[in-house]
């Protein structure tokens, strides 16, 4: 219901990075509707729990990029990528 901003792109980028790094989607569910609800309601998944060789610091960056609140995410996608580097 809010304005669409770069924070939406950042969320998507963090989800794609999560899948690329772990080999699994952040919210694997049986149906598209369940996936949608998981993105809105469930706790953010831990990439390091799914792939223990990933650094915990990277896990925290991905979780921030996928934060429910746009205000809790990085200011820009560039800032997210700088944190990943």
PDB file of N, CA and C in Angstrom:
ATOM      1  N   UNK A   1       0.782  -1.193   0.000  1.00  0.00           N
ATOM      2  CA  UNK A   1       0.000   0.000   0.000  1.00  0.00           C
ATOM      3  C   UNK A   1       0.828   1.263   0.000  1.00  0.00           C
ATOM      4  N   UNK A   2       2.140   1.145   0.204  1.00  0.00           N
ATOM      5  CA  UNK A   2       2.978   2.342   0.248  1.00  0.00           C
ATOM      6  C   UNK A   2       3.581   2.656  -1.111  1.00  0.00           C
ATOM      7  N   UNK A   3       4.416   3.674  -1.116  1.00  0.00           N
ATOM      8  CA  UNK A   3       5.109   4.054  -2.341  1.00  0.00           C
ATOM      9  C   UNK A   3       6.139   2.994  -2.711  1.00  0.00           C
ATOM     10  N   UNK A   4       6.322   2.827  -3.999  1.00  0.00           N
ATOM     11  CA  UNK A   4       7.337   1.895  -4.480  1.00  0.00           C
ATOM     12  C   UNK A   4       8.628   2.679  -4.671  1.00  0.00           C
ATOM     13  N   UNK A   5       9.711   2.158  -4.097  1.00  0.00           N
ATOM     14  CA  UNK A   5      10.998   2.840  -4.166  1.00  0.00           C
ATOM     15  C   UNK A   5      12.097   1.827  -4.448  1.00  0.00           C
ATOM     16  N   UNK A   6      13.316   2.295  -4.397  1.00  0.00           N
ATOM     17  CA  UNK A   6      14.464   1.413  -4.581  1.00  0.00           C
ATOM     18  C   UNK A   6      14.561   0.343  -3.512  1.00  0.00           C
ATOM     19  N   UNK A   7      13.880   0.535  -2.398  1.00  0.00           N
ATOM     20  CA  UNK A   7      13.893  -0.472  -1.334  1.00  0.00           C
ATOM     21  C   UNK A   7      13.269  -1.784  -1.802  1.00  0.00           C
ATOM     22  N   UNK A   8      12.338  -1.693  -2.734  1.00  0.00           N
ATOM     23  CA  UNK A   8      11.719  -2.908  -3.300  1.00  0.00           C
ATOM     24  C   UNK A   8      12.757  -3.676  -4.123  1.00  0.00           C
ATOM     25  N   UNK A   9      13.521  -2.938  -4.925  1.00  0.00           N
ATOM     26  CA  UNK A   9      14.585  -3.570  -5.715  1.00  0.00           C
ATOM     27  C   UNK A   9      15.628  -4.194  -4.807  1.00  0.00           C
ATOM     28  N   UNK A  10      15.938  -3.519  -3.710  1.00  0.00           N
ATOM     29  CA  UNK A  10      16.928  -4.044  -2.768  1.00  0.00           C
ATOM     30  C   UNK A  10      16.447  -5.354  -2.152  1.00  0.00           C
ATOM     31  N   UNK A  11      15.186  -5.416  -1.785  1.00  0.00           N
ATOM     32  CA  UNK A  11      14.622  -6.649  -1.233  1.00  0.00           C
ATOM     33  C   UNK A  11      14.775  -7.779  -2.245  1.00  0.00           C
ATOM     34  N   UNK A  12      14.413  -7.496  -3.493  1.00  0.00           N
ATOM     35  CA  UNK A  12      14.524  -8.514  -4.551  1.00  0.00           C
ATOM     36  C   UNK A  12      15.967  -8.946  -4.765  1.00  0.00           C
ATOM     37  N   UNK A  13      16.881  -7.978  -4.775  1.00  0.00           N
ATOM     38  CA  UNK A  13      18.307  -8.291  -4.946  1.00  0.00           C
ATOM     39  C   UNK A  13      18.806  -9.174  -3.810  1.00  0.00           C
ATOM     40  N   UNK A  14      18.426  -8.865  -2.587  1.00  0.00           N
ATOM     41  CA  UNK A  14      18.850  -9.676  -1.446  1.00  0.00           C
ATOM     42  C   UNK A  14      18.285 -11.093  -1.549  1.00  0.00           C
ATOM     43  N   UNK A  15      17.051 -11.230  -2.015  1.00  0.00           N
ATOM     44  CA  UNK A  15      16.460 -12.565  -2.198  1.00  0.00           C
ATOM     45  C   UNK A  15      17.198 -13.366  -3.269  1.00  0.00           C
ATOM     46  N   UNK A  16      17.541 -12.716  -4.373  1.00  0.00           N
ATOM     47  CA  UNK A  16      18.274 -13.396  -5.447  1.00  0.00           C
ATOM     48  C   UNK A  16      19.671 -13.790  -4.965  1.00  0.00           C
ATOM     49  N   UNK A  17      20.343 -12.906  -4.230  1.00  0.00           N
ATOM     50  CA  UNK A  17      21.664 -13.248  -3.689  1.00  0.00           C
ATOM     51  C   UNK A  17      21.555 -14.417  -2.713  1.00  0.00           C
ATOM     52  N   UNK A  18      20.509 -14.414  -1.888  1.00  0.00           N
ATOM     53  CA  UNK A  18      20.282 -15.509  -0.945  1.00  0.00           C
ATOM     54  C   UNK A  18      20.204 -16.832  -1.707  1.00  0.00           C
ATOM     55  N   UNK A  19      19.404 -16.857  -2.758  1.00  0.00           N
ATOM     56  CA  UNK A  19      19.243 -18.094  -3.535  1.00  0.00           C
ATOM     57  C   UNK A  19      20.540 -18.484  -4.244  1.00  0.00           C
ATOM     58  N   UNK A  20      21.240 -17.505  -4.790  1.00  0.00           N
ATOM     59  CA  UNK A  20      22.498 -17.804  -5.488  1.00  0.00           C
ATOM     60  C   UNK A  20      23.550 -18.373  -4.536  1.00  0.00           C
ATOM     61  N   UNK A  21      23.573 -17.880  -3.311  1.00  0.00           N
ATOM     62  CA  UNK A  21      24.585 -18.308  -2.345  1.00  0.00           C
ATOM     63  C   UNK A  21      24.227 -19.602  -1.611  1.00  0.00           C
ATOM     64  N   UNK A  22      22.947 -19.878  -1.480  1.00  0.00           N
ATOM     65  CA  UNK A  22      22.544 -21.066  -0.714  1.00  0.00           C
ATOM     66  C   UNK A  22      22.013 -22.199  -1.580  1.00  0.00           C
ATOM     67  N   UNK A  23      21.586 -21.878  -2.789  1.00  0.00           N
ATOM     68  CA  UNK A  23      20.977 -22.890  -3.647  1.00  0.00           C
ATOM     69  C   UNK A  23      19.514 -23.147  -3.321  1.00  0.00           C
ATOM     70  N   UNK A  24      18.945 -22.348  -2.410  1.00  0.00           N
ATOM     71  CA  UNK A  24      17.532 -22.473  -2.055  1.00  0.00           C
ATOM     72  C   UNK A  24      16.902 -21.085  -1.997  1.00  0.00           C
ATOM     73  N   UNK A  25      15.629 -21.040  -2.273  1.00  0.00           N
ATOM     74  CA  UNK A  25      14.907 -19.774  -2.162  1.00  0.00           C
ATOM     75  C   UNK A  25      14.748 -19.416  -0.690  1.00  0.00           C
ATOM     76  N   UNK A  26      14.632 -18.134  -0.394  1.00  0.00           N
ATOM     77  CA  UNK A  26      14.492 -17.744   1.011  1.00  0.00           C
ATOM     78  C   UNK A  26      13.256 -18.351   1.679  1.00  0.00           C
ATOM     79  N   UNK A  27      12.175 -18.460   0.937  1.00  0.00           N
ATOM     80  CA  UNK A  27      10.915 -18.949   1.510  1.00  0.00           C
ATOM     81  C   UNK A  27      10.325 -20.052   0.636  1.00  0.00           C
ATOM     82  N   UNK A  28      10.923 -21.238   0.653  1.00  0.00           N
ATOM     83  CA  UNK A  28      10.356 -22.319  -0.161  1.00  0.00           C
ATOM     84  C   UNK A  28       9.034 -22.793   0.450  1.00  0.00           C
ATOM     85  N   UNK A  29       8.003 -22.779  -0.329  1.00  0.00           N
ATOM     86  CA  UNK A  29       6.685 -23.209   0.122  1.00  0.00           C
ATOM     87  C   UNK A  29       6.010 -23.999  -0.992  1.00  0.00           C
ATOM     88  N   UNK A  30       4.874 -24.594  -0.687  1.00  0.00           N
ATOM     89  CA  UNK A  30       4.137 -25.444  -1.630  1.00  0.00           C
ATOM     90  C   UNK A  30       3.463 -24.653  -2.754  1.00  0.00           C
ATOM     91  N   UNK A  31       3.002 -23.448  -2.453  1.00  0.00           N
ATOM     92  CA  UNK A  31       2.267 -22.676  -3.462  1.00  0.00           C
ATOM     93  C   UNK A  31       2.764 -21.236  -3.500  1.00  0.00           C
ATOM     94  N   UNK A  32       2.438 -20.553  -4.589  1.00  0.00           N
ATOM     95  CA  UNK A  32       2.821 -19.146  -4.715  1.00  0.00           C
ATOM     96  C   UNK A  32       2.187 -18.300  -3.610  1.00  0.00           C
ATOM     97  N   UNK A  33       0.963 -18.607  -3.247  1.00  0.00           N
ATOM     98  CA  UNK A  33       0.289 -17.864  -2.191  1.00  0.00           C
ATOM     99  C   UNK A  33       1.016 -18.030  -0.856  1.00  0.00           C
ATOM    100  N   UNK A  34       1.463 -19.247  -0.565  1.00  0.00           N
ATOM    101  CA  UNK A  34       2.219 -19.483   0.669  1.00  0.00           C
ATOM    102  C   UNK A  34       3.550 -18.745   0.651  1.00  0.00           C
ATOM    103  N   UNK A  35       4.186 -18.685  -0.502  1.00  0.00           N
ATOM    104  CA  UNK A  35       5.449 -17.939  -0.627  1.00  0.00           C
ATOM    105  C   UNK A  35       5.203 -16.466  -0.339  1.00  0.00           C
ATOM    106  N   UNK A  36       4.145 -15.921  -0.925  1.00  0.00           N
ATOM    107  CA  UNK A  36       3.825 -14.510  -0.724  1.00  0.00           C
ATOM    108  C   UNK A  36       3.587 -14.204   0.753  1.00  0.00           C
ATOM    109  N   UNK A  37       2.804 -15.042   1.413  1.00  0.00           N
ATOM    110  CA  UNK A  37       2.542 -14.824   2.835  1.00  0.00           C
ATOM    111  C   UNK A  37       3.814 -14.970   3.664  1.00  0.00           C
ATOM    112  N   UNK A  38       4.694 -15.892   3.295  1.00  0.00           N
ATOM    113  CA  UNK A  38       5.948 -16.072   4.029  1.00  0.00           C
ATOM    114  C   UNK A  38       6.809 -14.815   3.945  1.00  0.00           C
ATOM    115  N   UNK A  39       6.870 -14.207   2.770  1.00  0.00           N
ATOM    116  CA  UNK A  39       7.648 -12.972   2.616  1.00  0.00           C
ATOM    117  C   UNK A  39       7.112 -11.877   3.532  1.00  0.00           C
ATOM    118  N   UNK A  40       5.822 -11.867   3.747  1.00  0.00           N
ATOM    119  CA  UNK A  40       5.198 -10.812   4.548  1.00  0.00           C
ATOM    120  C   UNK A  40       5.244 -11.117   6.041  1.00  0.00           C
ATOM    121  N   UNK A  41       5.082 -12.379   6.413  1.00  0.00           N
ATOM    122  CA  UNK A  41       4.876 -12.712   7.826  1.00  0.00           C
ATOM    123  C   UNK A  41       6.014 -13.455   8.529  1.00  0.00           C
ATOM    124  N   UNK A  42       6.757 -14.279   7.810  1.00  0.00           N
ATOM    125  CA  UNK A  42       7.739 -15.137   8.465  1.00  0.00           C
ATOM    126  C   UNK A  42       9.027 -14.392   8.808  1.00  0.00           C
ATOM    127  N   UNK A  43       9.762 -14.948   9.773  1.00  0.00           N
ATOM    128  CA  UNK A  43      11.081 -14.413  10.098  1.00  0.00           C
ATOM    129  C   UNK A  43      11.990 -14.563   8.889  1.00  0.00           C
ATOM    130  N   UNK A  44      12.938 -13.668   8.784  1.00  0.00           N
ATOM    131  CA  UNK A  44      13.898 -13.740   7.687  1.00  0.00           C
ATOM    132  C   UNK A  44      14.747 -14.994   7.878  1.00  0.00           C
ATOM    133  N   UNK A  45      14.985 -15.744   6.807  1.00  0.00           N
ATOM    134  CA  UNK A  45      15.778 -16.961   6.934  1.00  0.00           C
ATOM    135  C   UNK A  45      17.267 -16.655   7.085  1.00  0.00           C
ATOM    136  N   UNK A  46      17.976 -17.608   7.618  1.00  0.00           N
ATOM    137  CA  UNK A  46      19.421 -17.490   7.781  1.00  0.00           C
ATOM    138  C   UNK A  46      20.129 -18.221   6.647  1.00  0.00           C
ATOM    139  N   UNK A  47      20.871 -17.482   5.850  1.00  0.00           N
ATOM    140  CA  UNK A  47      21.646 -18.094   4.766  1.00  0.00           C
ATOM    141  C   UNK A  47      22.735 -18.999   5.347  1.00  0.00           C
ATOM    142  N   UNK A  48      23.333 -18.577   6.454  1.00  0.00           N
ATOM    143  CA  UNK A  48      24.404 -19.361   7.077  1.00  0.00           C
ATOM    144  C   UNK A  48      23.885 -20.669   7.672  1.00  0.00           C
ATOM    145  N   UNK A  49      22.621 -20.695   8.091  1.00  0.00           N
ATOM    146  CA  UNK A  49      22.043 -21.954   8.572  1.00  0.00           C
ATOM    147  C   UNK A  49      21.861 -22.942   7.427  1.00  0.00           C
ATOM    148  N   UNK A  50      21.528 -22.428   6.268  1.00  0.00           N
ATOM    149  CA  UNK A  50      21.334 -23.302   5.107  1.00  0.00           C
ATOM    150  C   UNK A  50      22.648 -23.696   4.457  1.00  0.00           C
ATOM    151  N   UNK A  51      23.631 -22.830   4.578  1.00  0.00           N
ATOM    152  CA  UNK A  51      24.965 -23.123   4.034  1.00  0.00           C
ATOM    153  C   UNK A  51      25.996 -22.642   5.043  1.00  0.00           C
ATOM    154  N   UNK A  52      26.383 -23.525   5.962  1.00  0.00           N
ATOM    155  CA  UNK A  52      27.243 -23.146   7.090  1.00  0.00           C
ATOM    156  C   UNK A  52      28.602 -22.555   6.721  1.00  0.00           C
ATOM    157  N   UNK A  53      29.039 -22.727   5.488  1.00  0.00           N
ATOM    158  CA  UNK A  53      30.335 -22.168   5.090  1.00  0.00           C
ATOM    159  C   UNK A  53      30.262 -20.660   4.814  1.00  0.00           C
ATOM    160  N   UNK A  54      29.058 -20.112   4.752  1.00  0.00           N
ATOM    161  CA  UNK A  54      28.918 -18.672   4.530  1.00  0.00           C
ATOM    162  C   UNK A  54      29.230 -17.904   5.818  1.00  0.00           C
ATOM    163  N   UNK A  55      29.889 -16.777   5.693  1.00  0.00           N
ATOM    164  CA  UNK A  55      30.184 -15.968   6.880  1.00  0.00           C
ATOM    165  C   UNK A  55      28.898 -15.410   7.509  1.00  0.00           C
ATOM    166  N   UNK A  56      28.839 -15.398   8.819  1.00  0.00           N
ATOM    167  CA  UNK A  56      27.670 -14.849   9.532  1.00  0.00           C
ATOM    168  C   UNK A  56      27.465 -13.374   9.199  1.00  0.00           C
ATOM    169  N   UNK A  57      28.555 -12.659   8.932  1.00  0.00           N
ATOM    170  CA  UNK A  57      28.426 -11.243   8.584  1.00  0.00           C
ATOM    171  C   UNK A  57      27.631 -11.078   7.287  1.00  0.00           C
ATOM    172  N   UNK A  58      27.854 -11.964   6.332  1.00  0.00           N
ATOM    173  CA  UNK A  58      27.097 -11.928   5.078  1.00  0.00           C
ATOM    174  C   UNK A  58      25.629 -12.242   5.338  1.00  0.00           C
ATOM    175  N   UNK A  59      25.385 -13.161   6.230  1.00  0.00           N
ATOM    176  CA  UNK A  59      24.020 -13.514   6.612  1.00  0.00           C
ATOM    177  C   UNK A  59      23.288 -12.281   7.150  1.00  0.00           C
ATOM    178  N   UNK A  60      23.938 -11.526   7.999  1.00  0.00           N
ATOM    179  CA  UNK A  60      23.329 -10.324   8.576  1.00  0.00           C
ATOM    180  C   UNK A  60      23.035  -9.284   7.494  1.00  0.00           C
ATOM    181  N   UNK A  61      23.912  -9.177   6.515  1.00  0.00           N
ATOM    182  CA  UNK A  61      23.708  -8.231   5.412  1.00  0.00           C
ATOM    183  C   UNK A  61      22.487  -8.631   4.592  1.00  0.00           C
ATOM    184  N   UNK A  62      22.375  -9.914   4.277  1.00  0.00           N
ATOM    185  CA  UNK A  62      21.215 -10.381   3.503  1.00  0.00           C
ATOM    186  C   UNK A  62      19.914 -10.192   4.276  1.00  0.00           C
ATOM    187  N   UNK A  63      19.951 -10.472   5.561  1.00  0.00           N
ATOM    188  CA  UNK A  63      18.743 -10.281   6.366  1.00  0.00           C
ATOM    189  C   UNK A  63      18.347  -8.812   6.415  1.00  0.00           C
ATOM    190  N   UNK A  64      19.317  -7.923   6.499  1.00  0.00           N
ATOM    191  CA  UNK A  64      18.994  -6.490   6.482  1.00  0.00           C
ATOM    192  C   UNK A  64      18.414  -6.099   5.125  1.00  0.00           C
ATOM    193  N   UNK A  65      18.972  -6.632   4.053  1.00  0.00           N
ATOM    194  CA  UNK A  65      18.444  -6.337   2.720  1.00  0.00           C
ATOM    195  C   UNK A  65      17.031  -6.851   2.519  1.00  0.00           C
ATOM    196  N   UNK A  66      16.666  -7.899   3.260  1.00  0.00           N
ATOM    197  CA  UNK A  66      15.320  -8.474   3.173  1.00  0.00           C
ATOM    198  C   UNK A  66      14.432  -8.055   4.344  1.00  0.00           C
ATOM    199  N   UNK A  67      14.823  -7.030   5.060  1.00  0.00           N
ATOM    200  CA  UNK A  67      14.018  -6.583   6.202  1.00  0.00           C
ATOM    201  C   UNK A  67      12.600  -6.252   5.755  1.00  0.00           C
ATOM    202  N   UNK A  68      11.632  -6.566   6.601  1.00  0.00           N
ATOM    203  CA  UNK A  68      10.233  -6.264   6.267  1.00  0.00           C
ATOM    204  C   UNK A  68      10.021  -4.774   6.030  1.00  0.00           C
ATOM    205  N   UNK A  69      10.574  -3.981   6.898  1.00  0.00           N
ATOM    206  CA  UNK A  69      10.411  -2.534   6.798  1.00  0.00           C
ATOM    207  C   UNK A  69      11.472  -1.949   5.865  1.00  0.00           C
ATOM    208  N   UNK A  70      11.037  -1.173   4.899  1.00  0.00           N
ATOM    209  CA  UNK A  70      11.985  -0.536   3.984  1.00  0.00           C
ATOM    210  C   UNK A  70      12.954   0.372   4.741  1.00  0.00           C
ATOM    211  N   UNK A  71      12.501   0.955   5.828  1.00  0.00           N
ATOM    212  CA  UNK A  71      13.360   1.830   6.628  1.00  0.00           C
ATOM    213  C   UNK A  71      14.499   1.080   7.308  1.00  0.00           C
ATOM    214  N   UNK A  72      14.351  -0.229   7.494  1.00  0.00           N
ATOM    215  CA  UNK A  72      15.387  -1.040   8.147  1.00  0.00           C
ATOM    216  C   UNK A  72      16.427  -1.547   7.152  1.00  0.00           C
ATOM    217  N   UNK A  73      16.172  -1.382   5.865  1.00  0.00           N
ATOM    218  CA  UNK A  73      17.120  -1.833   4.832  1.00  0.00           C
ATOM    219  C   UNK A  73      18.214  -0.788   4.641  1.00  0.00           C
ATOM    220  N   UNK A  74      19.173  -1.117   3.787  1.00  0.00           N
ATOM    221  CA  UNK A  74      20.225  -0.169   3.435  1.00  0.00           C
ATOM    222  C   UNK A  74      19.593   1.009   2.699  1.00  0.00           C
ATOM    223  N   UNK A  75      20.278   2.143   2.664  1.00  0.00           N
ATOM    224  CA  UNK A  75      19.746   3.335   2.004  1.00  0.00           C
ATOM    225  C   UNK A  75      19.599   3.127   0.498  1.00  0.00           C
ATOM    226  N   UNK A  76      20.514   2.334  -0.083  1.00  0.00           N
ATOM    227  CA  UNK A  76      20.494   2.090  -1.531  1.00  0.00           C
ATOM    228  C   UNK A  76      20.976   0.668  -1.816  1.00  0.00           C
ATOM    229  N   UNK A  77      20.732   0.212  -3.039  1.00  0.00           N
ATOM    230  CA  UNK A  77      21.274  -1.087  -3.461  1.00  0.00           C
ATOM    231  C   UNK A  77      22.805  -1.034  -3.502  1.00  0.00           C
ATOM    232  N   UNK A  78      23.342   0.125  -3.865  1.00  0.00           N
ATOM    233  CA  UNK A  78      24.799   0.291  -3.875  1.00  0.00           C
ATOM    234  C   UNK A  78      25.400   0.110  -2.492  1.00  0.00           C
ATOM    235  N   UNK A  79      24.696   0.609  -1.481  1.00  0.00           N
ATOM    236  CA  UNK A  79      25.166   0.431  -0.096  1.00  0.00           C
ATOM    237  C   UNK A  79      25.118  -1.048   0.296  1.00  0.00           C
ATOM    238  N   UNK A  80      24.084  -1.744  -0.124  1.00  0.00           N
ATOM    239  CA  UNK A  80      23.985  -3.192   0.119  1.00  0.00           C
ATOM    240  C   UNK A  80      25.177  -3.903  -0.511  1.00  0.00           C
ATOM    241  N   UNK A  81      25.465  -3.579  -1.768  1.00  0.00           N
ATOM    242  CA  UNK A  81      26.567  -4.242  -2.467  1.00  0.00           C
ATOM    243  C   UNK A  81      27.922  -3.886  -1.843  1.00  0.00           C
ATOM    244  N   UNK A  82      28.081  -2.675  -1.366  1.00  0.00           N
ATOM    245  CA  UNK A  82      29.330  -2.294  -0.687  1.00  0.00           C
ATOM    246  C   UNK A  82      29.508  -3.111   0.580  1.00  0.00           C
ATOM    247  N   UNK A  83      28.419  -3.333   1.302  1.00  0.00           N
ATOM    248  CA  UNK A  83      28.487  -4.157   2.518  1.00  0.00           C
ATOM    249  C   UNK A  83      28.854  -5.599   2.173  1.00  0.00           C
ATOM    250  N   UNK A  84      28.337  -6.102   1.077  1.00  0.00           N
ATOM    251  CA  UNK A  84      28.651  -7.475   0.654  1.00  0.00           C
ATOM    252  C   UNK A  84      30.144  -7.587   0.316  1.00  0.00           C
ATOM    253  N   UNK A  85      30.674  -6.597  -0.366  1.00  0.00           N
ATOM    254  CA  UNK A  85      32.106  -6.619  -0.725  1.00  0.00           C
ATOM    255  C   UNK A  85      32.953  -6.616   0.514  1.00  0.00           C
TER     256      UNK A  85
END
